[in-house]
PDB file of N, CA and C in Angstrom:
ATOM      1  N   MET A   1      81.586 138.550 -41.764  1.00  0.00           N
ATOM      2  CA  MET A   1      81.364 138.302 -43.155  1.00  0.00           C
ATOM      3  C   MET A   1      81.034 139.620 -43.851  1.00  0.00           C
ATOM      4  N   SER A   2      81.336 139.669 -45.073  1.00  0.00           N
ATOM      5  CA  SER A   2      81.017 140.863 -45.850  1.00  0.00           C
ATOM      6  C   SER A   2      79.546 140.826 -46.249  1.00  0.00           C
ATOM      7  N   HIS A   3      79.063 141.945 -46.685  1.00  0.00           N
ATOM      8  CA  HIS A   3      77.672 142.041 -47.111  1.00  0.00           C
ATOM      9  C   HIS A   3      77.403 141.098 -48.291  1.00  0.00           C
ATOM     10  N   TRP A   4      78.350 141.002 -49.204  1.00  0.00           N
ATOM     11  CA  TRP A   4      78.214 140.117 -50.359  1.00  0.00           C
ATOM     12  C   TRP A   4      78.084 138.656 -49.907  1.00  0.00           C
ATOM     13  N   ALA A   5      78.937 138.242 -48.963  1.00  0.00           N
ATOM     14  CA  ALA A   5      78.890 136.865 -48.461  1.00  0.00           C
ATOM     15  C   ALA A   5      77.581 136.601 -47.731  1.00  0.00           C
ATOM     16  N   ASP A   6      77.095 137.569 -46.953  1.00  0.00           N
ATOM     17  CA  ASP A   6      75.805 137.421 -46.273  1.00  0.00           C
ATOM     18  C   ASP A   6      74.675 137.220 -47.279  1.00  0.00           C
ATOM     19  N   THR A   7      74.703 137.977 -48.339  1.00  0.00           N
ATOM     20  CA  THR A   7      73.671 137.878 -49.365  1.00  0.00           C
ATOM     21  C   THR A   7      73.694 136.517 -50.037  1.00  0.00           C
ATOM     22  N   VAL A   8      74.880 136.032 -50.372  1.00  0.00           N
ATOM     23  CA  VAL A   8      75.007 134.723 -51.011  1.00  0.00           C
ATOM     24  C   VAL A   8      74.504 133.625 -50.077  1.00  0.00           C
ATOM     25  N   MET A   9      74.896 133.696 -48.802  1.00  0.00           N
ATOM     26  CA  MET A   9      74.462 132.676 -47.837  1.00  0.00           C
ATOM     27  C   MET A   9      72.945 132.714 -47.642  1.00  0.00           C
ATOM     28  N   ALA A  10      72.380 133.910 -47.611  1.00  0.00           N
ATOM     29  CA  ALA A  10      70.931 134.038 -47.437  1.00  0.00           C
ATOM     30  C   ALA A  10      70.192 133.441 -48.627  1.00  0.00           C
ATOM     31  N   GLU A  11      70.690 133.681 -49.826  1.00  0.00           N
ATOM     32  CA  GLU A  11      70.055 133.114 -51.012  1.00  0.00           C
ATOM     33  C   GLU A  11      70.199 131.602 -51.027  1.00  0.00           C
ATOM     34  N   TRP A  12      71.341 131.114 -50.627  1.00  0.00           N
ATOM     35  CA  TRP A  12      71.574 129.674 -50.617  1.00  0.00           C
ATOM     36  C   TRP A  12      70.639 128.984 -49.620  1.00  0.00           C
ATOM     37  N   ARG A  13      70.487 129.591 -48.425  1.00  0.00           N
ATOM     38  CA  ARG A  13      69.620 129.033 -47.387  1.00  0.00           C
ATOM     39  C   ARG A  13      68.150 129.393 -47.591  1.00  0.00           C
ATOM     40  N   ARG A  14      67.891 130.335 -48.476  1.00  0.00           N
ATOM     41  CA  ARG A  14      66.551 130.868 -48.700  1.00  0.00           C
ATOM     42  C   ARG A  14      65.968 131.466 -47.434  1.00  0.00           C
ATOM     43  N   TYR A  15      66.818 132.084 -46.695  1.00  0.00           N
ATOM     44  CA  TYR A  15      66.422 132.745 -45.452  1.00  0.00           C
ATOM     45  C   TYR A  15      67.344 133.930 -45.229  1.00  0.00           C
ATOM     46  N   ARG A  16      66.779 135.055 -44.975  1.00  0.00           N
ATOM     47  CA  ARG A  16      67.583 136.238 -44.707  1.00  0.00           C
ATOM     48  C   ARG A  16      67.538 136.515 -43.209  1.00  0.00           C
ATOM     49  N   GLU A  17      68.671 136.416 -42.552  1.00  0.00           N
ATOM     50  CA  GLU A  17      68.763 136.681 -41.124  1.00  0.00           C
ATOM     51  C   GLU A  17      68.721 138.174 -40.863  1.00  0.00           C
ATOM     52  N   PRO A  18      68.173 138.566 -39.751  1.00  0.00           N
ATOM     53  CA  PRO A  18      68.168 139.990 -39.415  1.00  0.00           C
ATOM     54  C   PRO A  18      69.598 140.489 -39.234  1.00  0.00           C
ATOM     55  N   ARG A  19      69.841 141.704 -39.650  1.00  0.00           N
ATOM     56  CA  ARG A  19      71.182 142.271 -39.533  1.00  0.00           C
ATOM     57  C   ARG A  19      71.514 142.608 -38.085  1.00  0.00           C
ATOM     58  N   ASP A  20      70.504 142.977 -37.333  1.00  0.00           N
ATOM     59  CA  ASP A  20      70.719 143.369 -35.942  1.00  0.00           C
ATOM     60  C   ASP A  20      70.680 142.118 -35.065  1.00  0.00           C
ATOM     61  N   PRO A  21      71.792 141.774 -34.377  1.00  0.00           N
ATOM     62  CA  PRO A  21      71.785 140.551 -33.557  1.00  0.00           C
ATOM     63  C   PRO A  21      70.793 140.608 -32.406  1.00  0.00           C
ATOM     64  N   THR A  22      70.436 141.800 -31.911  1.00  0.00           N
ATOM     65  CA  THR A  22      69.469 141.882 -30.818  1.00  0.00           C
ATOM     66  C   THR A  22      68.068 141.542 -31.287  1.00  0.00           C
ATOM     67  N   ALA A  23      67.821 141.592 -32.607  1.00  0.00           N
ATOM     68  CA  ALA A  23      66.506 141.232 -33.138  1.00  0.00           C
ATOM     69  C   ALA A  23      66.263 139.728 -33.016  1.00  0.00           C
ATOM     70  N   ARG A  24      67.325 138.949 -32.888  1.00  0.00           N
ATOM     71  CA  ARG A  24      67.194 137.500 -32.770  1.00  0.00           C
ATOM     72  C   ARG A  24      67.165 137.034 -31.324  1.00  0.00           C
ATOM     73  N   THR A  25      67.380 137.928 -30.387  1.00  0.00           N
ATOM     74  CA  THR A  25      67.437 137.546 -28.978  1.00  0.00           C
ATOM     75  C   THR A  25      66.265 138.132 -28.216  1.00  0.00           C
ATOM     76  N   THR A  26      65.953 137.501 -27.103  1.00  0.00           N
ATOM     77  CA  THR A  26      64.915 138.012 -26.207  1.00  0.00           C
ATOM     78  C   THR A  26      65.502 138.090 -24.814  1.00  0.00           C
ATOM     79  N   GLY A  27      64.866 138.884 -23.984  1.00  0.00           N
ATOM     80  CA  GLY A  27      65.278 138.975 -22.595  1.00  0.00           C
ATOM     81  C   GLY A  27      64.905 137.717 -21.834  1.00  0.00           C
ATOM     82  N   PHE A  28      65.549 137.499 -20.711  1.00  0.00           N
ATOM     83  CA  PHE A  28      65.290 136.300 -19.913  1.00  0.00           C
ATOM     84  C   PHE A  28      63.845 136.258 -19.441  1.00  0.00           C
ATOM     85  N   SER A  29      63.314 137.385 -18.976  1.00  0.00           N
ATOM     86  CA  SER A  29      61.941 137.385 -18.465  1.00  0.00           C
ATOM     87  C   SER A  29      60.938 137.088 -19.577  1.00  0.00           C
ATOM     88  N   ASP A  30      61.190 137.613 -20.794  1.00  0.00           N
ATOM     89  CA  ASP A  30      60.295 137.317 -21.914  1.00  0.00           C
ATOM     90  C   ASP A  30      60.350 135.843 -22.295  1.00  0.00           C
ATOM     91  N   ALA A  31      61.546 135.293 -22.308  1.00  0.00           N
ATOM     92  CA  ALA A  31      61.690 133.873 -22.630  1.00  0.00           C
ATOM     93  C   ALA A  31      61.012 133.004 -21.573  1.00  0.00           C
ATOM     94  N   LEU A  32      61.163 133.379 -20.308  1.00  0.00           N
ATOM     95  CA  LEU A  32      60.556 132.621 -19.219  1.00  0.00           C
ATOM     96  C   LEU A  32      59.034 132.711 -19.282  1.00  0.00           C
ATOM     97  N   ARG A  33      58.495 133.898 -19.571  1.00  0.00           N
ATOM     98  CA  ARG A  33      57.056 134.063 -19.704  1.00  0.00           C
ATOM     99  C   ARG A  33      56.489 133.203 -20.823  1.00  0.00           C
ATOM    100  N   GLY A  34      57.243 133.021 -21.886  1.00  0.00           N
ATOM    101  CA  GLY A  34      56.786 132.175 -22.975  1.00  0.00           C
ATOM    102  C   GLY A  34      56.937 130.692 -22.693  1.00  0.00           C
ATOM    103  N   LEU A  35      57.924 130.344 -21.867  1.00  0.00           N
ATOM    104  CA  LEU A  35      58.206 128.946 -21.583  1.00  0.00           C
ATOM    105  C   LEU A  35      57.315 128.359 -20.490  1.00  0.00           C
ATOM    106  N   LEU A  36      56.996 129.124 -19.469  1.00  0.00           N
ATOM    107  CA  LEU A  36      56.238 128.598 -18.332  1.00  0.00           C
ATOM    108  C   LEU A  36      54.881 128.000 -18.712  1.00  0.00           C
ATOM    109  N   PRO A  37      54.084 128.651 -19.560  1.00  0.00           N
ATOM    110  CA  PRO A  37      52.817 128.004 -19.929  1.00  0.00           C
ATOM    111  C   PRO A  37      53.010 126.680 -20.658  1.00  0.00           C
ATOM    112  N   LYS A  38      54.061 126.575 -21.450  1.00  0.00           N
ATOM    113  CA  LYS A  38      54.321 125.324 -22.165  1.00  0.00           C
ATOM    114  C   LYS A  38      54.685 124.206 -21.195  1.00  0.00           C
ATOM    115  N   LEU A  39      55.296 124.558 -20.066  1.00  0.00           N
ATOM    116  CA  LEU A  39      55.657 123.568 -19.056  1.00  0.00           C
ATOM    117  C   LEU A  39      54.555 123.360 -18.031  1.00  0.00           C
ATOM    118  N   GLY A  40      53.484 124.135 -18.129  1.00  0.00           N
ATOM    119  CA  GLY A  40      52.392 124.016 -17.172  1.00  0.00           C
ATOM    120  C   GLY A  40      52.688 124.674 -15.840  1.00  0.00           C
ATOM    121  N   LEU A  41      53.592 125.638 -15.819  1.00  0.00           N
ATOM    122  CA  LEU A  41      53.988 126.275 -14.574  1.00  0.00           C
ATOM    123  C   LEU A  41      53.507 127.713 -14.445  1.00  0.00           C
ATOM    124  N   SER A  42      52.693 128.191 -15.366  1.00  0.00           N
ATOM    125  CA  SER A  42      52.255 129.583 -15.296  1.00  0.00           C
ATOM    126  C   SER A  42      51.384 129.822 -14.076  1.00  0.00           C
ATOM    127  N   SER A  43      50.607 128.824 -13.659  1.00  0.00           N
ATOM    128  CA  SER A  43      49.766 129.010 -12.475  1.00  0.00           C
ATOM    129  C   SER A  43      50.615 129.165 -11.224  1.00  0.00           C
ATOM    130  N   ALA A  44      51.783 128.550 -11.193  1.00  0.00           N
ATOM    131  CA  ALA A  44      52.677 128.724 -10.043  1.00  0.00           C
ATOM    132  C   ALA A  44      53.144 130.170  -9.946  1.00  0.00           C
ATOM    133  N   MET A  45      53.416 130.791 -11.084  1.00  0.00           N
ATOM    134  CA  MET A  45      53.806 132.200 -11.075  1.00  0.00           C
ATOM    135  C   MET A  45      52.635 133.070 -10.639  1.00  0.00           C
ATOM    136  N   ASP A  46      51.408 132.727 -11.078  1.00  0.00           N
ATOM    137  CA  ASP A  46      50.227 133.470 -10.664  1.00  0.00           C
ATOM    138  C   ASP A  46      50.020 133.349  -9.157  1.00  0.00           C
ATOM    139  N   GLU A  47      50.228 132.158  -8.622  1.00  0.00           N
ATOM    140  CA  GLU A  47      50.069 131.942  -7.185  1.00  0.00           C
ATOM    141  C   GLU A  47      51.052 132.796  -6.394  1.00  0.00           C
ATOM    142  N   GLN A  48      52.275 132.878  -6.856  1.00  0.00           N
ATOM    143  CA  GLN A  48      53.267 133.706  -6.166  1.00  0.00           C
ATOM    144  C   GLN A  48      52.887 135.176  -6.217  1.00  0.00           C
ATOM    145  N   ALA A  49      52.361 135.631  -7.349  1.00  0.00           N
ATOM    146  CA  ALA A  49      51.938 137.029  -7.471  1.00  0.00           C
ATOM    147  C   ALA A  49      50.778 137.322  -6.519  1.00  0.00           C
ATOM    148  N   VAL A  50      49.844 136.380  -6.387  1.00  0.00           N
ATOM    149  CA  VAL A  50      48.716 136.562  -5.465  1.00  0.00           C
ATOM    150  C   VAL A  50      49.223 136.583  -4.033  1.00  0.00           C
ATOM    151  N   ARG A  51      50.142 135.709  -3.684  1.00  0.00           N
ATOM    152  CA  ARG A  51      50.694 135.689  -2.322  1.00  0.00           C
ATOM    153  C   ARG A  51      51.366 137.015  -1.980  1.00  0.00           C
ATOM    154  N   ARG A  52      52.117 137.563  -2.941  1.00  0.00           N
ATOM    155  CA  ARG A  52      52.797 138.846  -2.682  1.00  0.00           C
ATOM    156  C   ARG A  52      51.797 139.992  -2.510  1.00  0.00           C
ATOM    157  N   ALA A  53      50.698 139.959  -3.251  1.00  0.00           N
ATOM    158  CA  ALA A  53      49.732 141.058  -3.231  1.00  0.00           C
ATOM    159  C   ALA A  53      48.642 140.887  -2.172  1.00  0.00           C
ATOM    160  N   TRP A  54      48.552 139.729  -1.553  1.00  0.00           N
ATOM    161  CA  TRP A  54      47.448 139.406  -0.654  1.00  0.00           C
ATOM    162  C   TRP A  54      47.276 140.431   0.466  1.00  0.00           C
ATOM    163  N   GLY A  55      48.323 140.770   1.168  1.00  0.00           N
ATOM    164  CA  GLY A  55      48.224 141.709   2.285  1.00  0.00           C
ATOM    165  C   GLY A  55      47.711 143.072   1.863  1.00  0.00           C
ATOM    166  N   GLY A  56      48.132 143.540   0.711  1.00  0.00           N
ATOM    167  CA  GLY A  56      47.660 144.825   0.216  1.00  0.00           C
ATOM    168  C   GLY A  56      46.214 144.796  -0.238  1.00  0.00           C
ATOM    169  N   LEU A  57      45.738 143.641  -0.678  1.00  0.00           N
ATOM    170  CA  LEU A  57      44.360 143.525  -1.150  1.00  0.00           C
ATOM    171  C   LEU A  57      43.359 143.393  -0.018  1.00  0.00           C
ATOM    172  N   VAL A  58      43.717 142.640   1.018  1.00  0.00           N
ATOM    173  CA  VAL A  58      42.736 142.336   2.069  1.00  0.00           C
ATOM    174  C   VAL A  58      42.980 143.072   3.381  1.00  0.00           C
ATOM    175  N   GLY A  59      44.112 143.703   3.528  1.00  0.00           N
ATOM    176  CA  GLY A  59      44.416 144.414   4.763  1.00  0.00           C
ATOM    177  C   GLY A  59      45.210 143.552   5.733  1.00  0.00           C
ATOM    178  N   PRO A  60      45.805 144.194   6.751  1.00  0.00           N
ATOM    179  CA  PRO A  60      46.716 143.469   7.648  1.00  0.00           C
ATOM    180  C   PRO A  60      46.046 142.413   8.532  1.00  0.00           C
ATOM    181  N   PHE A  61      44.825 142.669   9.019  1.00  0.00           N
ATOM    182  CA  PHE A  61      44.195 141.682   9.897  1.00  0.00           C
ATOM    183  C   PHE A  61      43.846 140.409   9.142  1.00  0.00           C
ATOM    184  N   ILE A  62      43.154 140.558   8.009  1.00  0.00           N
ATOM    185  CA  ILE A  62      42.772 139.371   7.233  1.00  0.00           C
ATOM    186  C   ILE A  62      44.012 138.645   6.731  1.00  0.00           C
ATOM    187  N   ALA A  63      45.041 139.404   6.332  1.00  0.00           N
ATOM    188  CA  ALA A  63      46.283 138.783   5.858  1.00  0.00           C
ATOM    189  C   ALA A  63      46.965 137.998   6.970  1.00  0.00           C
ATOM    190  N   SER A  64      46.836 138.455   8.210  1.00  0.00           N
ATOM    191  CA  SER A  64      47.457 137.723   9.323  1.00  0.00           C
ATOM    192  C   SER A  64      46.677 136.456   9.671  1.00  0.00           C
ATOM    193  N   GLN A  65      45.411 136.389   9.267  1.00  0.00           N
ATOM    194  CA  GLN A  65      44.562 135.251   9.587  1.00  0.00           C
ATOM    195  C   GLN A  65      44.364 134.285   8.414  1.00  0.00           C
ATOM    196  N   SER A  66      44.902 134.628   7.253  1.00  0.00           N
ATOM    197  CA  SER A  66      44.671 133.794   6.069  1.00  0.00           C
ATOM    198  C   SER A  66      45.876 133.864   5.144  1.00  0.00           C
ATOM    199  N   GLU A  67      45.926 132.886   4.226  1.00  0.00           N
ATOM    200  CA  GLU A  67      46.987 132.877   3.220  1.00  0.00           C
ATOM    201  C   GLU A  67      46.503 132.148   1.975  1.00  0.00           C
ATOM    202  N   PRO A  68      46.773 132.714   0.786  1.00  0.00           N
ATOM    203  CA  PRO A  68      46.412 132.021  -0.449  1.00  0.00           C
ATOM    204  C   PRO A  68      47.177 130.709  -0.554  1.00  0.00           C
ATOM    205  N   ASP A  69      46.485 129.651  -0.935  1.00  0.00           N
ATOM    206  CA  ASP A  69      47.102 128.330  -0.996  1.00  0.00           C
ATOM    207  C   ASP A  69      47.429 127.921  -2.427  1.00  0.00           C
ATOM    208  N   ARG A  70      46.423 127.973  -3.328  1.00  0.00           N
ATOM    209  CA  ARG A  70      46.648 127.534  -4.709  1.00  0.00           C
ATOM    210  C   ARG A  70      45.555 128.101  -5.600  1.00  0.00           C
ATOM    211  N   ILE A  71      45.807 128.063  -6.898  1.00  0.00           N
ATOM    212  CA  ILE A  71      44.818 128.447  -7.899  1.00  0.00           C
ATOM    213  C   ILE A  71      44.597 127.246  -8.801  1.00  0.00           C
ATOM    214  N   ARG A  72      43.346 126.807  -8.907  1.00  0.00           N
ATOM    215  CA  ARG A  72      43.011 125.677  -9.771  1.00  0.00           C
ATOM    216  C   ARG A  72      41.740 126.011 -10.536  1.00  0.00           C
ATOM    217  N   GLY A  73      41.821 126.014 -11.843  1.00  0.00           N
ATOM    218  CA  GLY A  73      40.647 126.241 -12.669  1.00  0.00           C
ATOM    219  C   GLY A  73      39.965 127.572 -12.415  1.00  0.00           C
ATOM    220  N   GLY A  74      40.712 128.611 -12.149  1.00  0.00           N
ATOM    221  CA  GLY A  74      40.143 129.921 -11.897  1.00  0.00           C
ATOM    222  C   GLY A  74      39.656 130.127 -10.476  1.00  0.00           C
ATOM    223  N   MET A  75      39.825 129.130  -9.622  1.00  0.00           N
ATOM    224  CA  MET A  75      39.400 129.223  -8.225  1.00  0.00           C
ATOM    225  C   MET A  75      40.628 129.412  -7.339  1.00  0.00           C
ATOM    226  N   LEU A  76      40.616 130.465  -6.523  1.00  0.00           N
ATOM    227  CA  LEU A  76      41.690 130.706  -5.557  1.00  0.00           C
ATOM    228  C   LEU A  76      41.268 130.085  -4.231  1.00  0.00           C
ATOM    229  N   TYR A  77      42.062 129.154  -3.747  1.00  0.00           N
ATOM    230  CA  TYR A  77      41.816 128.521  -2.457  1.00  0.00           C
ATOM    231  C   TYR A  77      42.634 129.250  -1.406  1.00  0.00           C
ATOM    232  N   VAL A  78      41.948 129.715  -0.351  1.00  0.00           N
ATOM    233  CA  VAL A  78      42.589 130.496   0.698  1.00  0.00           C
ATOM    234  C   VAL A  78      42.446 129.751   2.020  1.00  0.00           C
ATOM    235  N   ARG A  79      43.575 129.470   2.643  1.00  0.00           N
ATOM    236  CA  ARG A  79      43.589 128.805   3.949  1.00  0.00           C
ATOM    237  C   ARG A  79      43.353 129.858   5.032  1.00  0.00           C
ATOM    238  N   VAL A  80      42.370 129.605   5.898  1.00  0.00           N
ATOM    239  CA  VAL A  80      42.035 130.532   6.985  1.00  0.00           C
ATOM    240  C   VAL A  80      42.329 129.826   8.299  1.00  0.00           C
ATOM    241  N   HIS A  81      42.977 130.543   9.214  1.00  0.00           N
ATOM    242  CA  HIS A  81      43.457 129.930  10.452  1.00  0.00           C
ATOM    243  C   HIS A  81      42.359 129.719  11.497  1.00  0.00           C
ATOM    244  N   GLN A  82      41.304 130.548  11.480  1.00  0.00           N
ATOM    245  CA  GLN A  82      40.231 130.413  12.465  1.00  0.00           C
ATOM    246  C   GLN A  82      38.888 130.306  11.755  1.00  0.00           C
ATOM    247  N   SER A  83      38.037 129.430  12.261  1.00  0.00           N
ATOM    248  CA  SER A  83      36.746 129.223  11.608  1.00  0.00           C
ATOM    249  C   SER A  83      35.853 130.460  11.709  1.00  0.00           C
ATOM    250  N   SER A  84      35.967 131.219  12.785  1.00  0.00           N
ATOM    251  CA  SER A  84      35.145 132.432  12.906  1.00  0.00           C
ATOM    252  C   SER A  84      35.541 133.465  11.850  1.00  0.00           C
ATOM    253  N   VAL A  85      36.827 133.568  11.553  1.00  0.00           N
ATOM    254  CA  VAL A  85      37.291 134.488  10.505  1.00  0.00           C
ATOM    255  C   VAL A  85      36.839 133.966   9.141  1.00  0.00           C
ATOM    256  N   ARG A  86      36.894 132.662   8.949  1.00  0.00           N
ATOM    257  CA  ARG A  86      36.435 132.075   7.689  1.00  0.00           C
ATOM    258  C   ARG A  86      34.951 132.380   7.452  1.00  0.00           C
ATOM    259  N   PHE A  87      34.147 132.247   8.496  1.00  0.00           N
ATOM    260  CA  PHE A  87      32.721 132.557   8.387  1.00  0.00           C
ATOM    261  C   PHE A  87      32.526 134.011   7.974  1.00  0.00           C
ATOM    262  N   GLU A  88      33.254 134.914   8.599  1.00  0.00           N
ATOM    263  CA  GLU A  88      33.164 136.348   8.281  1.00  0.00           C
ATOM    264  C   GLU A  88      33.594 136.619   6.836  1.00  0.00           C
ATOM    265  N   LEU A  89      34.666 135.975   6.414  1.00  0.00           N
ATOM    266  CA  LEU A  89      35.146 136.163   5.041  1.00  0.00           C
ATOM    267  C   LEU A  89      34.124 135.678   4.024  1.00  0.00           C
ATOM    268  N   GLU A  90      33.525 134.523   4.261  1.00  0.00           N
ATOM    269  CA  GLU A  90      32.548 133.966   3.324  1.00  0.00           C
ATOM    270  C   GLU A  90      31.277 134.804   3.256  1.00  0.00           C
ATOM    271  N   ARG A  91      30.804 135.271   4.392  1.00  0.00           N
ATOM    272  CA  ARG A  91      29.524 135.977   4.441  1.00  0.00           C
ATOM    273  C   ARG A  91      29.637 137.463   4.086  1.00  0.00           C
ATOM    274  N   VAL A  92      30.723 138.113   4.478  1.00  0.00           N
ATOM    275  CA  VAL A  92      30.796 139.569   4.351  1.00  0.00           C
ATOM    276  C   VAL A  92      31.786 140.035   3.291  1.00  0.00           C
ATOM    277  N   TRP A  93      32.974 139.458   3.248  1.00  0.00           N
ATOM    278  CA  TRP A  93      34.070 140.021   2.463  1.00  0.00           C
ATOM    279  C   TRP A  93      34.344 139.323   1.137  1.00  0.00           C
ATOM    280  N   LYS A  94      33.724 138.190   0.882  1.00  0.00           N
ATOM    281  CA  LYS A  94      34.055 137.404  -0.311  1.00  0.00           C
ATOM    282  C   LYS A  94      33.881 138.195  -1.605  1.00  0.00           C
ATOM    283  N   ALA A  95      32.750 138.844  -1.784  1.00  0.00           N
ATOM    284  CA  ALA A  95      32.483 139.586  -3.030  1.00  0.00           C
ATOM    285  C   ALA A  95      33.494 140.708  -3.231  1.00  0.00           C
ATOM    286  N   GLU A  96      33.823 141.405  -2.163  1.00  0.00           N
ATOM    287  CA  GLU A  96      34.794 142.506  -2.275  1.00  0.00           C
ATOM    288  C   GLU A  96      36.191 141.981  -2.602  1.00  0.00           C
ATOM    289  N   ILE A  97      36.584 140.880  -1.968  1.00  0.00           N
ATOM    290  CA  ILE A  97      37.898 140.283  -2.244  1.00  0.00           C
ATOM    291  C   ILE A  97      37.958 139.802  -3.696  1.00  0.00           C
ATOM    292  N   GLU A  98      36.887 139.170  -4.170  1.00  0.00           N
ATOM    293  CA  GLU A  98      36.864 138.702  -5.560  1.00  0.00           C
ATOM    294  C   GLU A  98      36.961 139.859  -6.548  1.00  0.00           C
ATOM    295  N   SER A  99      36.290 140.960  -6.259  1.00  0.00           N
ATOM    296  CA  SER A  99      36.362 142.106  -7.180  1.00  0.00           C
ATOM    297  C   SER A  99      37.755 142.732  -7.163  1.00  0.00           C
ATOM    298  N   LYS A 100      38.404 142.779  -6.011  1.00  0.00           N
ATOM    299  CA  LYS A 100      39.773 143.302  -5.939  1.00  0.00           C
ATOM    300  C   LYS A 100      40.745 142.396  -6.678  1.00  0.00           C
ATOM    301  N   LEU A 101      40.576 141.087  -6.539  1.00  0.00           N
ATOM    302  CA  LEU A 101      41.434 140.141  -7.260  1.00  0.00           C
ATOM    303  C   LEU A 101      41.234 140.253  -8.766  1.00  0.00           C
ATOM    304  N   ALA A 102      39.974 140.398  -9.198  1.00  0.00           N
ATOM    305  CA  ALA A 102      39.687 140.539 -10.628  1.00  0.00           C
ATOM    306  C   ALA A 102      40.298 141.829 -11.169  1.00  0.00           C
ATOM    307  N   ALA A 103      40.243 142.888 -10.385  1.00  0.00           N
ATOM    308  CA  ALA A 103      40.820 144.159 -10.825  1.00  0.00           C
ATOM    309  C   ALA A 103      42.343 144.081 -10.891  1.00  0.00           C
ATOM    310  N   GLU A 104      42.936 143.362  -9.961  1.00  0.00           N
ATOM    311  CA  GLU A 104      44.401 143.275  -9.899  1.00  0.00           C
ATOM    312  C   GLU A 104      44.975 142.285 -10.911  1.00  0.00           C
ATOM    313  N   PHE A 105      44.348 141.117 -11.046  1.00  0.00           N
ATOM    314  CA  PHE A 105      44.918 140.037 -11.852  1.00  0.00           C
ATOM    315  C   PHE A 105      44.110 139.681 -13.094  1.00  0.00           C
ATOM    316  N   GLY A 106      42.930 140.231 -13.235  1.00  0.00           N
ATOM    317  CA  GLY A 106      42.088 139.915 -14.381  1.00  0.00           C
ATOM    318  C   GLY A 106      41.051 138.867 -14.015  1.00  0.00           C
ATOM    319  N   ALA A 107      39.856 139.066 -14.523  1.00  0.00           N
ATOM    320  CA  ALA A 107      38.749 138.154 -14.198  1.00  0.00           C
ATOM    321  C   ALA A 107      38.953 136.773 -14.788  1.00  0.00           C
ATOM    322  N   ASP A 108      39.784 136.652 -15.802  1.00  0.00           N
ATOM    323  CA  ASP A 108      40.008 135.333 -16.406  1.00  0.00           C
ATOM    324  C   ASP A 108      40.957 134.476 -15.584  1.00  0.00           C
ATOM    325  N   LYS A 109      41.817 135.084 -14.763  1.00  0.00           N
ATOM    326  CA  LYS A 109      42.770 134.318 -13.944  1.00  0.00           C
ATOM    327  C   LYS A 109      42.101 133.762 -12.691  1.00  0.00           C
ATOM    328  N   ILE A 110      41.372 134.630 -11.964  1.00  0.00           N
ATOM    329  CA  ILE A 110      40.728 134.223 -10.719  1.00  0.00           C
ATOM    330  C   ILE A 110      39.261 134.622 -10.800  1.00  0.00           C
ATOM    331  N   ARG A 111      38.385 133.632 -10.908  1.00  0.00           N
ATOM    332  CA  ARG A 111      36.962 133.891 -11.040  1.00  0.00           C
ATOM    333  C   ARG A 111      36.232 133.820  -9.700  1.00  0.00           C
ATOM    334  N   SER A 112      36.786 133.039  -8.761  1.00  0.00           N
ATOM    335  CA  SER A 112      36.111 132.837  -7.483  1.00  0.00           C
ATOM    336  C   SER A 112      37.136 132.526  -6.393  1.00  0.00           C
ATOM    337  N   VAL A 113      36.710 132.691  -5.149  1.00  0.00           N
ATOM    338  CA  VAL A 113      37.559 132.414  -3.992  1.00  0.00           C
ATOM    339  C   VAL A 113      36.844 131.397  -3.112  1.00  0.00           C
ATOM    340  N   LYS A 114      37.590 130.429  -2.631  1.00  0.00           N
ATOM    341  CA  LYS A 114      37.048 129.439  -1.701  1.00  0.00           C
ATOM    342  C   LYS A 114      37.926 129.451  -0.459  1.00  0.00           C
ATOM    343  N   PHE A 115      37.292 129.661   0.694  1.00  0.00           N
ATOM    344  CA  PHE A 115      38.011 129.686   1.973  1.00  0.00           C
ATOM    345  C   PHE A 115      37.889 128.321   2.636  1.00  0.00           C
ATOM    346  N   PHE A 116      38.984 127.845   3.213  1.00  0.00           N
ATOM    347  CA  PHE A 116      38.957 126.579   3.937  1.00  0.00           C
ATOM    348  C   PHE A 116      39.894 126.666   5.137  1.00  0.00           C
ATOM    349  N   SER A 117      39.644 125.769   6.103  1.00  0.00           N
ATOM    350  CA  SER A 117      40.464 125.755   7.321  1.00  0.00           C
ATOM    351  C   SER A 117      41.475 124.644   7.269  1.00  0.00           C
TER     352      SER A 117
END
């Protein structure tokens, strides 16, 4: 369309469209980031990010003995394979793991960790 026709159509619709077509589009990742919370699936993406980062946050031994299970209401539930390791995690490492998670993902996403067998 010519500039004159665009102007007439914009006045008729009472809306002026952006001239640049890329201004009306978004990338797939941006669209997905906006859509997931509306569908209630943003926590699933957070859980996957925690699973990917778990080994780097806790080290190879703890990562081999445990795995993040789910995030509910700011609480990260971690499945531990042995009760002796769970006891050690709760008594010695919990505060350090929580601070690393808060630094990596934000204190508003994960406020606490609960270990279970």
